Amino acid sequence: MAYETPSALICSDLALGWQTAMDLSVSIQPISMSADIRRTWNGRAINVADDAFRLYAVRLSSGQAELRAPALSKLWPGVIFDLVPSTELVDKIGVGGATVTLSRPPYAGSVRCLDAGHNDIPFTVSGSIVTLAAPASAQVRVFFRPVLTCMVVAPWTQSLKEVTAEVAWELSAEEVGGTL
């Protein structure tokens, strides 16, 4: 009998399985170094951070329904691993446009193109490039689950309340960056 996690998160290093990720939270946000906001002589705000720092931080944490922790014991700070988060990133194709290059490689089969009425729009994917079957007559939102190469950036936590058998855990990571 195969025991699988109810989570859509994909990460072989966590060995998600039976009773793991039952109540998982996934947060994605730009890393702090993606912003270096300065003001010009006339007060206009500009970001002088290098585009190489447009990377994501990912935090995985359990909720109250968690029964078992994932395989955290070898995920020390500095360890690099691949992750496909259960949450989607969203891009767009404007009116008259037909293509968009996604910011990260999409996980196979995860791309969806929808109009404002939530109707499917026909498209093809080649690498990170999404091409509509016809130019957009209205703005199209492009949803996808990215494939991220991350590094553990802080010690993880895991706890257990014995009497209630409540398990809690958290893992923080950031994209490695560099040449993609």
N, C-alpha and C. Protein backbone atom coordinates (compact mmCIF):
# COMPACT_ATOMS: atom_id res chain seq x y z
N MET A 1 0.85 -1.18 0.00
CA MET A 1 0.00 0.00 0.00
C MET A 1 0.89 1.23 0.00
N ALA A 2 0.60 2.19 -0.86
CA ALA A 2 1.37 3.42 -0.94
C ALA A 2 0.71 4.49 -0.08
N TYR A 3 1.53 5.16 0.71
CA TYR A 3 1.05 6.25 1.54
C TYR A 3 1.59 7.55 0.96
N GLU A 4 0.69 8.46 0.62
CA GLU A 4 1.13 9.70 0.01
C GLU A 4 0.63 10.89 0.82
N THR A 5 1.34 11.99 0.66
CA THR A 5 0.97 13.21 1.33
C THR A 5 -0.18 13.88 0.58
N PRO A 6 -1.04 14.61 1.27
CA PRO A 6 -2.09 15.35 0.57
C PRO A 6 -1.57 16.65 -0.05
N SER A 7 -0.32 16.99 0.21
CA SER A 7 0.25 18.25 -0.29
C SER A 7 0.68 18.12 -1.74
N ALA A 8 0.57 19.23 -2.49
CA ALA A 8 1.06 19.29 -3.87
C ALA A 8 2.54 19.67 -3.92
N LEU A 9 3.13 20.02 -2.78
CA LEU A 9 4.55 20.37 -2.72
C LEU A 9 5.39 19.19 -3.20
N ILE A 10 6.40 19.48 -4.03
CA ILE A 10 7.31 18.44 -4.50
C ILE A 10 8.71 18.77 -4.02
N CYS A 11 9.29 17.87 -3.23
CA CYS A 11 10.65 18.05 -2.73
C CYS A 11 11.14 16.69 -2.21
N SER A 12 11.94 16.00 -3.02
CA SER A 12 12.39 14.67 -2.63
C SER A 12 13.24 14.71 -1.36
N ASP A 13 13.94 15.82 -1.11
CA ASP A 13 14.78 15.91 0.09
C ASP A 13 13.97 15.92 1.39
N LEU A 14 12.71 16.31 1.33
CA LEU A 14 11.86 16.30 2.52
C LEU A 14 11.18 14.96 2.74
N ALA A 15 11.17 14.10 1.73
CA ALA A 15 10.54 12.78 1.82
C ALA A 15 9.13 12.88 2.40
N LEU A 16 8.32 13.75 1.81
CA LEU A 16 6.94 13.89 2.26
C LEU A 16 6.20 12.59 2.01
N GLY A 17 5.37 12.21 2.92
CA GLY A 17 4.63 10.97 2.78
C GLY A 17 3.51 10.90 3.78
N TRP A 18 3.18 9.69 4.16
CA TRP A 18 2.06 9.44 5.05
C TRP A 18 2.14 10.28 6.31
N GLN A 19 1.09 11.00 6.62
CA GLN A 19 0.94 11.85 7.80
C GLN A 19 1.88 13.05 7.81
N THR A 20 2.51 13.37 6.66
CA THR A 20 3.40 14.53 6.56
C THR A 20 2.77 15.54 5.62
N ALA A 21 2.91 16.80 5.96
CA ALA A 21 2.36 17.90 5.15
C ALA A 21 0.84 17.82 5.06
N MET A 22 0.22 17.41 6.16
CA MET A 22 -1.24 17.32 6.22
C MET A 22 -1.87 18.71 6.28
N ASP A 23 -1.12 19.67 6.81
CA ASP A 23 -1.63 21.04 7.00
C ASP A 23 -0.47 22.00 6.73
N LEU A 24 0.07 21.93 5.52
CA LEU A 24 1.28 22.66 5.16
C LEU A 24 0.98 24.10 4.75
N SER A 25 1.83 25.02 5.18
CA SER A 25 1.79 26.40 4.72
C SER A 25 3.06 26.68 3.93
N VAL A 26 2.91 27.32 2.77
CA VAL A 26 4.04 27.67 1.91
C VAL A 26 3.97 29.17 1.67
N SER A 27 5.05 29.88 2.02
CA SER A 27 5.13 31.32 1.76
C SER A 27 6.29 31.58 0.81
N ILE A 28 6.04 32.43 -0.17
CA ILE A 28 7.09 32.84 -1.10
C ILE A 28 7.09 34.36 -1.14
N GLN A 29 8.29 34.93 -1.06
CA GLN A 29 8.43 36.38 -1.15
C GLN A 29 9.81 36.70 -1.70
N PRO A 30 9.99 37.89 -2.29
CA PRO A 30 11.33 38.28 -2.74
C PRO A 30 12.29 38.35 -1.56
N ILE A 31 13.57 37.98 -1.79
CA ILE A 31 14.55 38.09 -0.72
C ILE A 31 14.75 39.56 -0.38
N SER A 32 15.22 39.84 0.82
CA SER A 32 15.37 41.23 1.27
C SER A 32 16.36 42.02 0.41
N MET A 33 17.38 41.34 -0.14
CA MET A 33 18.37 42.05 -0.95
C MET A 33 17.86 42.41 -2.34
N SER A 34 16.61 42.05 -2.66
CA SER A 34 16.04 42.44 -3.95
C SER A 34 15.64 43.91 -3.95
N ALA A 35 15.67 44.53 -2.78
CA ALA A 35 15.30 45.94 -2.66
C ALA A 35 16.45 46.75 -2.06
N ASP A 36 16.85 47.77 -2.75
CA ASP A 36 17.80 48.76 -2.25
C ASP A 36 17.24 50.11 -2.71
N ILE A 37 16.23 50.56 -2.00
CA ILE A 37 15.48 51.74 -2.41
C ILE A 37 16.22 53.01 -1.98
N ARG A 38 16.42 53.86 -2.93
CA ARG A 38 17.07 55.16 -2.71
C ARG A 38 16.17 56.25 -3.27
N ARG A 39 16.46 57.47 -2.90
CA ARG A 39 15.73 58.64 -3.41
C ARG A 39 16.67 59.48 -4.27
N THR A 40 16.13 59.95 -5.38
CA THR A 40 16.91 60.83 -6.25
C THR A 40 16.93 62.23 -5.65
N TRP A 41 17.64 63.14 -6.28
CA TRP A 41 17.75 64.51 -5.78
C TRP A 41 16.39 65.18 -5.62
N ASN A 42 15.38 64.73 -6.42
CA ASN A 42 14.06 65.37 -6.31
C ASN A 42 13.04 64.49 -5.58
N GLY A 43 13.51 63.48 -4.88
CA GLY A 43 12.64 62.67 -4.02
C GLY A 43 12.03 61.45 -4.66
N ARG A 44 12.31 61.17 -5.94
CA ARG A 44 11.74 60.01 -6.59
C ARG A 44 12.41 58.73 -6.06
N ALA A 45 11.58 57.74 -5.72
CA ALA A 45 12.10 56.46 -5.22
C ALA A 45 12.56 55.60 -6.40
N ILE A 46 13.75 55.00 -6.26
CA ILE A 46 14.25 54.06 -7.27
C ILE A 46 14.89 52.87 -6.55
N ASN A 47 14.87 51.73 -7.21
CA ASN A 47 15.50 50.54 -6.67
C ASN A 47 16.84 50.37 -7.38
N VAL A 48 17.94 50.47 -6.66
CA VAL A 48 19.27 50.34 -7.26
C VAL A 48 19.86 48.94 -7.05
N ALA A 49 19.04 48.01 -6.52
CA ALA A 49 19.51 46.63 -6.35
C ALA A 49 19.76 46.00 -7.71
N ASP A 50 20.78 45.18 -7.80
CA ASP A 50 21.10 44.47 -9.04
C ASP A 50 20.01 43.44 -9.32
N ASP A 51 19.63 43.30 -10.59
CA ASP A 51 18.60 42.33 -10.97
C ASP A 51 18.96 40.90 -10.59
N ALA A 52 20.24 40.61 -10.38
CA ALA A 52 20.67 39.27 -9.97
C ALA A 52 20.08 38.88 -8.61
N PHE A 53 19.62 39.87 -7.84
CA PHE A 53 19.04 39.60 -6.53
C PHE A 53 17.52 39.44 -6.57
N ARG A 54 16.95 39.33 -7.76
CA ARG A 54 15.51 39.07 -7.88
C ARG A 54 15.26 37.58 -7.67
N LEU A 55 15.39 37.19 -6.42
CA LEU A 55 15.29 35.80 -6.01
C LEU A 55 14.19 35.67 -4.95
N TYR A 56 13.75 34.44 -4.75
CA TYR A 56 12.67 34.19 -3.79
C TYR A 56 13.17 33.54 -2.51
N ALA A 57 12.52 33.93 -1.42
CA ALA A 57 12.66 33.26 -0.14
C ALA A 57 11.42 32.37 0.02
N VAL A 58 11.62 31.18 0.55
CA VAL A 58 10.52 30.23 0.73
C VAL A 58 10.51 29.78 2.18
N ARG A 59 9.32 29.79 2.77
CA ARG A 59 9.18 29.29 4.14
C ARG A 59 8.10 28.20 4.12
N LEU A 60 8.48 27.04 4.60
CA LEU A 60 7.55 25.92 4.74
C LEU A 60 7.28 25.72 6.21
N SER A 61 6.01 25.57 6.57
CA SER A 61 5.70 25.35 7.97
C SER A 61 4.44 24.50 8.10
N SER A 62 4.37 23.80 9.22
CA SER A 62 3.23 22.92 9.47
C SER A 62 2.12 23.69 10.16
N GLY A 63 0.94 23.13 10.05
CA GLY A 63 -0.21 23.67 10.77
C GLY A 63 -0.60 22.73 11.89
N GLN A 64 -1.78 22.93 12.45
CA GLN A 64 -2.21 22.15 13.60
C GLN A 64 -2.56 20.70 13.26
N ALA A 65 -2.80 20.40 11.99
CA ALA A 65 -3.20 19.04 11.62
C ALA A 65 -2.01 18.16 11.26
N GLU A 66 -0.81 18.63 11.50
CA GLU A 66 0.39 17.87 11.14
C GLU A 66 0.56 16.69 12.10
N LEU A 67 0.85 15.53 11.55
CA LEU A 67 1.02 14.33 12.37
C LEU A 67 2.47 13.85 12.44
N ARG A 68 3.24 14.05 11.37
CA ARG A 68 4.64 13.66 11.32
C ARG A 68 5.44 14.76 10.64
N ALA A 69 6.66 14.96 11.09
CA ALA A 69 7.55 15.93 10.45
C ALA A 69 8.20 15.28 9.23
N PRO A 70 8.61 16.08 8.24
CA PRO A 70 9.33 15.53 7.09
C PRO A 70 10.77 15.23 7.47
N ALA A 71 11.55 14.78 6.52
CA ALA A 71 12.96 14.43 6.75
C ALA A 71 13.80 15.70 6.79
N LEU A 72 13.91 16.29 7.96
CA LEU A 72 14.66 17.53 8.14
C LEU A 72 16.10 17.32 8.61
N SER A 73 16.42 16.15 9.11
CA SER A 73 17.67 15.94 9.84
C SER A 73 18.95 16.21 9.04
N LYS A 74 18.90 16.18 7.72
CA LYS A 74 20.10 16.45 6.92
C LYS A 74 20.03 17.79 6.21
N LEU A 75 19.01 18.58 6.49
CA LEU A 75 18.86 19.88 5.84
C LEU A 75 19.45 20.99 6.70
N TRP A 76 20.76 20.95 6.84
CA TRP A 76 21.50 21.96 7.61
C TRP A 76 21.60 23.24 6.81
N PRO A 77 21.78 24.38 7.47
CA PRO A 77 22.01 25.63 6.73
C PRO A 77 23.16 25.44 5.73
N GLY A 78 22.91 25.88 4.49
CA GLY A 78 23.88 25.73 3.42
C GLY A 78 23.57 24.59 2.47
N VAL A 79 22.70 23.66 2.87
CA VAL A 79 22.33 22.54 2.00
C VAL A 79 21.44 23.06 0.86
N ILE A 80 21.73 22.60 -0.35
CA ILE A 80 20.98 23.02 -1.54
C ILE A 80 20.04 21.89 -1.94
N PHE A 81 18.81 22.25 -2.29
CA PHE A 81 17.81 21.26 -2.70
C PHE A 81 16.84 21.89 -3.70
N ASP A 82 16.14 21.04 -4.46
CA ASP A 82 15.14 21.51 -5.41
C ASP A 82 13.76 21.39 -4.80
N LEU A 83 12.90 22.31 -5.22
CA LEU A 83 11.58 22.43 -4.62
C LEU A 83 10.60 22.92 -5.68
N VAL A 84 9.42 22.32 -5.72
CA VAL A 84 8.31 22.84 -6.51
C VAL A 84 7.22 23.17 -5.50
N PRO A 85 7.04 24.46 -5.21
CA PRO A 85 6.05 24.82 -4.18
C PRO A 85 4.63 24.49 -4.63
N SER A 86 3.76 24.31 -3.66
CA SER A 86 2.36 24.03 -3.97
C SER A 86 1.62 25.29 -4.39
N THR A 87 2.19 26.44 -4.09
CA THR A 87 1.58 27.69 -4.50
C THR A 87 2.05 28.09 -5.90
N GLU A 88 1.22 28.85 -6.60
CA GLU A 88 1.55 29.26 -7.96
C GLU A 88 2.08 30.69 -7.97
N LEU A 89 2.95 30.97 -8.94
CA LEU A 89 3.30 32.34 -9.27
C LEU A 89 2.41 32.74 -10.44
N VAL A 90 2.22 34.04 -10.62
CA VAL A 90 1.32 34.51 -11.67
C VAL A 90 2.03 35.58 -12.49
N ASP A 91 1.95 35.45 -13.81
CA ASP A 91 2.46 36.45 -14.75
C ASP A 91 1.28 36.89 -15.60
N LYS A 92 1.53 37.73 -16.59
CA LYS A 92 0.42 38.19 -17.42
C LYS A 92 0.88 38.40 -18.86
N ILE A 93 -0.10 38.36 -19.75
CA ILE A 93 0.09 38.72 -21.15
C ILE A 93 -0.94 39.81 -21.43
N GLY A 94 -0.47 40.97 -21.85
CA GLY A 94 -1.37 42.10 -22.11
C GLY A 94 -2.14 41.95 -23.40
N VAL A 95 -3.12 42.82 -23.57
CA VAL A 95 -3.95 42.83 -24.78
C VAL A 95 -3.06 42.99 -26.01
N GLY A 96 -3.28 42.13 -27.00
CA GLY A 96 -2.49 42.15 -28.23
C GLY A 96 -1.23 41.31 -28.16
N GLY A 97 -0.80 40.95 -26.96
CA GLY A 97 0.40 40.12 -26.79
C GLY A 97 0.08 38.66 -26.98
N ALA A 98 1.12 37.87 -27.23
CA ALA A 98 0.91 36.44 -27.42
C ALA A 98 1.91 35.60 -26.66
N THR A 99 2.99 36.21 -26.10
CA THR A 99 3.99 35.42 -25.39
C THR A 99 4.41 36.09 -24.10
N VAL A 100 4.93 35.28 -23.20
CA VAL A 100 5.56 35.76 -21.99
C VAL A 100 6.66 34.77 -21.63
N THR A 101 7.79 35.30 -21.16
CA THR A 101 8.85 34.46 -20.64
C THR A 101 8.71 34.45 -19.13
N LEU A 102 8.45 33.29 -18.57
CA LEU A 102 8.25 33.17 -17.13
C LEU A 102 9.56 33.41 -16.39
N SER A 103 9.44 33.91 -15.17
CA SER A 103 10.62 34.26 -14.38
C SER A 103 11.41 33.03 -13.92
N ARG A 104 10.78 31.87 -13.87
CA ARG A 104 11.43 30.63 -13.46
C ARG A 104 10.92 29.51 -14.35
N PRO A 105 11.69 28.43 -14.49
CA PRO A 105 11.18 27.30 -15.27
C PRO A 105 9.92 26.75 -14.60
N PRO A 106 8.88 26.48 -15.39
CA PRO A 106 7.65 25.93 -14.79
C PRO A 106 7.75 24.42 -14.62
N TYR A 107 7.14 23.91 -13.58
CA TYR A 107 7.03 22.47 -13.40
C TYR A 107 6.13 21.94 -14.52
N ALA A 108 6.52 20.83 -15.11
CA ALA A 108 5.79 20.26 -16.25
C ALA A 108 4.31 20.08 -15.93
N GLY A 109 3.47 20.62 -16.79
CA GLY A 109 2.03 20.48 -16.65
C GLY A 109 1.38 21.46 -15.69
N SER A 110 2.16 22.39 -15.12
CA SER A 110 1.58 23.30 -14.12
C SER A 110 1.08 24.63 -14.69
N VAL A 111 1.38 24.92 -15.95
CA VAL A 111 1.01 26.21 -16.53
C VAL A 111 -0.48 26.23 -16.87
N ARG A 112 -1.13 27.34 -16.51
CA ARG A 112 -2.54 27.58 -16.87
C ARG A 112 -2.65 29.01 -17.35
N CYS A 113 -3.40 29.25 -18.43
CA CYS A 113 -3.66 30.61 -18.92
C CYS A 113 -5.15 30.85 -18.84
N LEU A 114 -5.53 31.93 -18.12
CA LEU A 114 -6.94 32.23 -17.90
C LEU A 114 -7.21 33.71 -18.15
N ASP A 115 -8.41 34.00 -18.67
CA ASP A 115 -8.81 35.39 -18.82
C ASP A 115 -9.49 35.84 -17.52
N ALA A 116 -9.98 37.09 -17.52
CA ALA A 116 -10.59 37.65 -16.30
C ALA A 116 -11.83 36.88 -15.88
N GLY A 117 -12.51 36.22 -16.82
CA GLY A 117 -13.68 35.42 -16.50
C GLY A 117 -13.34 34.01 -16.07
N HIS A 118 -12.06 33.74 -15.89
CA HIS A 118 -11.54 32.44 -15.48
C HIS A 118 -11.75 31.37 -16.54
N ASN A 119 -11.76 31.80 -17.82
CA ASN A 119 -11.88 30.87 -18.93
C ASN A 119 -10.49 30.46 -19.39
N ASP A 120 -10.34 29.18 -19.73
CA ASP A 120 -9.07 28.68 -20.24
C ASP A 120 -8.76 29.31 -21.59
N ILE A 121 -7.50 29.70 -21.77
CA ILE A 121 -7.02 30.25 -23.03
C ILE A 121 -6.01 29.25 -23.59
N PRO A 122 -6.16 28.81 -24.85
CA PRO A 122 -5.22 27.84 -25.43
C PRO A 122 -3.80 28.41 -25.52
N PHE A 123 -2.81 27.55 -25.23
CA PHE A 123 -1.41 27.99 -25.23
C PHE A 123 -0.49 26.80 -25.43
N THR A 124 0.77 27.11 -25.68
CA THR A 124 1.83 26.09 -25.70
C THR A 124 2.96 26.60 -24.81
N VAL A 125 3.80 25.67 -24.34
CA VAL A 125 4.94 26.02 -23.50
C VAL A 125 6.19 25.41 -24.13
N SER A 126 7.24 26.21 -24.23
CA SER A 126 8.55 25.73 -24.66
C SER A 126 9.58 26.29 -23.69
N GLY A 127 10.09 25.44 -22.81
CA GLY A 127 11.01 25.92 -21.77
C GLY A 127 10.24 26.83 -20.83
N SER A 128 10.68 28.10 -20.74
CA SER A 128 10.00 29.08 -19.89
C SER A 128 9.14 30.05 -20.70
N ILE A 129 8.97 29.77 -21.99
CA ILE A 129 8.20 30.67 -22.85
C ILE A 129 6.79 30.11 -23.06
N VAL A 130 5.79 30.93 -22.73
CA VAL A 130 4.39 30.56 -22.92
C VAL A 130 3.88 31.36 -24.11
N THR A 131 3.28 30.67 -25.08
CA THR A 131 2.77 31.31 -26.29
C THR A 131 1.29 30.99 -26.43
N LEU A 132 0.47 32.03 -26.54
CA LEU A 132 -0.97 31.84 -26.74
C LEU A 132 -1.22 31.40 -28.18
N ALA A 133 -2.33 30.69 -28.40
CA ALA A 133 -2.69 30.24 -29.74
C ALA A 133 -3.06 31.43 -30.63
N ALA A 134 -3.51 32.53 -30.02
CA ALA A 134 -3.87 33.75 -30.76
C ALA A 134 -3.55 34.94 -29.85
N PRO A 135 -3.28 36.11 -30.42
CA PRO A 135 -3.02 37.28 -29.57
C PRO A 135 -4.17 37.51 -28.58
N ALA A 136 -3.83 37.97 -27.39
CA ALA A 136 -4.81 38.18 -26.33
C ALA A 136 -5.77 39.31 -26.68
N SER A 137 -7.07 39.03 -26.61
CA SER A 137 -8.08 40.07 -26.83
C SER A 137 -8.41 40.79 -25.52
N ALA A 138 -8.01 40.20 -24.42
CA ALA A 138 -8.13 40.78 -23.09
C ALA A 138 -6.91 40.29 -22.31
N GLN A 139 -6.63 40.93 -21.21
CA GLN A 139 -5.47 40.51 -20.42
C GLN A 139 -5.60 39.05 -20.00
N VAL A 140 -4.50 38.31 -20.10
CA VAL A 140 -4.48 36.90 -19.74
C VAL A 140 -3.53 36.71 -18.57
N ARG A 141 -3.99 36.02 -17.55
CA ARG A 141 -3.13 35.69 -16.41
C ARG A 141 -2.53 34.31 -16.64
N VAL A 142 -1.23 34.19 -16.39
CA VAL A 142 -0.51 32.94 -16.59
C VAL A 142 -0.07 32.43 -15.23
N PHE A 143 -0.65 31.32 -14.81
CA PHE A 143 -0.35 30.71 -13.51
C PHE A 143 0.63 29.56 -13.74
N PHE A 144 1.61 29.43 -12.84
CA PHE A 144 2.54 28.31 -12.95
C PHE A 144 3.19 28.02 -11.61
N ARG A 145 3.61 26.76 -11.45
CA ARG A 145 4.38 26.36 -10.27
C ARG A 145 5.84 26.32 -10.68
N PRO A 146 6.68 27.16 -10.07
CA PRO A 146 8.08 27.22 -10.49
C PRO A 146 8.91 26.08 -9.91
N VAL A 147 9.98 25.75 -10.62
CA VAL A 147 10.99 24.83 -10.09
C VAL A 147 12.08 25.72 -9.50
N LEU A 148 12.30 25.62 -8.20
CA LEU A 148 13.26 26.48 -7.49
C LEU A 148 14.41 25.65 -6.93
N THR A 149 15.63 26.15 -7.13
CA THR A 149 16.80 25.55 -6.47
C THR A 149 17.11 26.44 -5.28
N CYS A 150 16.98 25.88 -4.10
CA CYS A 150 17.06 26.67 -2.86
C CYS A 150 18.19 26.18 -1.95
N MET A 151 18.54 27.07 -1.02
CA MET A 151 19.51 26.74 0.02
C MET A 151 18.84 26.98 1.38
N VAL A 152 19.05 26.07 2.30
CA VAL A 152 18.57 26.27 3.66
C VAL A 152 19.35 27.46 4.24
N VAL A 153 18.64 28.48 4.73
CA VAL A 153 19.30 29.70 5.20
C VAL A 153 19.22 29.92 6.70
N ALA A 154 18.50 29.05 7.38
CA ALA A 154 18.38 29.17 8.84
C ALA A 154 18.14 27.77 9.40
N PRO A 155 18.54 27.53 10.63
CA PRO A 155 18.25 26.23 11.22
C PRO A 155 16.74 25.97 11.26
N TRP A 156 16.34 24.77 10.90
CA TRP A 156 14.94 24.41 10.93
C TRP A 156 14.51 24.16 12.36
N THR A 157 13.21 24.13 12.58
CA THR A 157 12.69 23.78 13.91
C THR A 157 11.71 22.63 13.78
N GLN A 158 11.66 21.82 14.82
CA GLN A 158 10.71 20.71 14.90
C GLN A 158 10.36 20.54 16.36
N SER A 159 9.07 20.40 16.65
CA SER A 159 8.67 20.21 18.05
C SER A 159 7.54 19.20 18.13
N LEU A 160 7.38 18.65 19.31
CA LEU A 160 6.35 17.65 19.56
C LEU A 160 5.76 17.90 20.94
N LYS A 161 4.43 17.91 21.03
CA LYS A 161 3.73 17.90 22.31
C LYS A 161 3.30 16.46 22.53
N GLU A 162 3.95 15.79 23.46
CA GLU A 162 3.73 14.35 23.64
C GLU A 162 2.29 13.99 23.99
N VAL A 163 1.69 14.71 24.90
CA VAL A 163 0.36 14.35 25.38
C VAL A 163 -0.66 14.38 24.25
N THR A 164 -0.57 15.38 23.38
CA THR A 164 -1.54 15.50 22.28
C THR A 164 -1.00 14.99 20.95
N ALA A 165 0.26 14.58 20.92
CA ALA A 165 0.93 14.11 19.69
C ALA A 165 0.91 15.16 18.60
N GLU A 166 0.98 16.42 18.98
CA GLU A 166 1.01 17.52 18.01
C GLU A 166 2.44 17.77 17.56
N VAL A 167 2.63 17.78 16.26
CA VAL A 167 3.94 18.02 15.66
C VAL A 167 3.91 19.38 14.99
N ALA A 168 5.00 20.12 15.13
CA ALA A 168 5.15 21.40 14.44
C ALA A 168 6.57 21.47 13.89
N TRP A 169 6.71 22.07 12.71
CA TRP A 169 8.04 22.22 12.11
C TRP A 169 8.05 23.41 11.16
N GLU A 170 9.26 23.90 10.86
CA GLU A 170 9.42 25.04 9.95
C GLU A 170 10.79 24.96 9.29
N LEU A 171 10.83 25.32 8.01
CA LEU A 171 12.07 25.33 7.24
C LEU A 171 12.11 26.60 6.40
N SER A 172 13.22 27.35 6.48
CA SER A 172 13.39 28.58 5.69
C SER A 172 14.51 28.38 4.69
N ALA A 173 14.26 28.80 3.45
CA ALA A 173 15.23 28.64 2.38
C ALA A 173 15.14 29.84 1.44
N GLU A 174 16.19 30.04 0.65
CA GLU A 174 16.19 31.07 -0.38
C GLU A 174 16.76 30.47 -1.65
N GLU A 175 16.33 31.02 -2.79
CA GLU A 175 16.89 30.57 -4.07
C GLU A 175 18.39 30.81 -4.05
N VAL A 176 19.13 29.90 -4.68
CA VAL A 176 20.58 29.99 -4.73
C VAL A 176 21.02 31.15 -5.61
N GLY A 177 20.39 31.33 -6.76
CA GLY A 177 20.74 32.42 -7.66
C GLY A 177 21.95 32.06 -8.51
N GLY A 178 22.64 33.08 -9.01
CA GLY A 178 23.76 32.85 -9.89
C GLY A 178 23.27 32.59 -11.30
N THR A 179 24.08 31.95 -12.08
CA THR A 179 23.70 31.68 -13.47
C THR A 179 22.57 30.68 -13.51
N LEU A 180 21.49 31.08 -14.16
CA LEU A 180 20.31 30.19 -14.26
C LEU A 180 20.33 29.46 -15.57
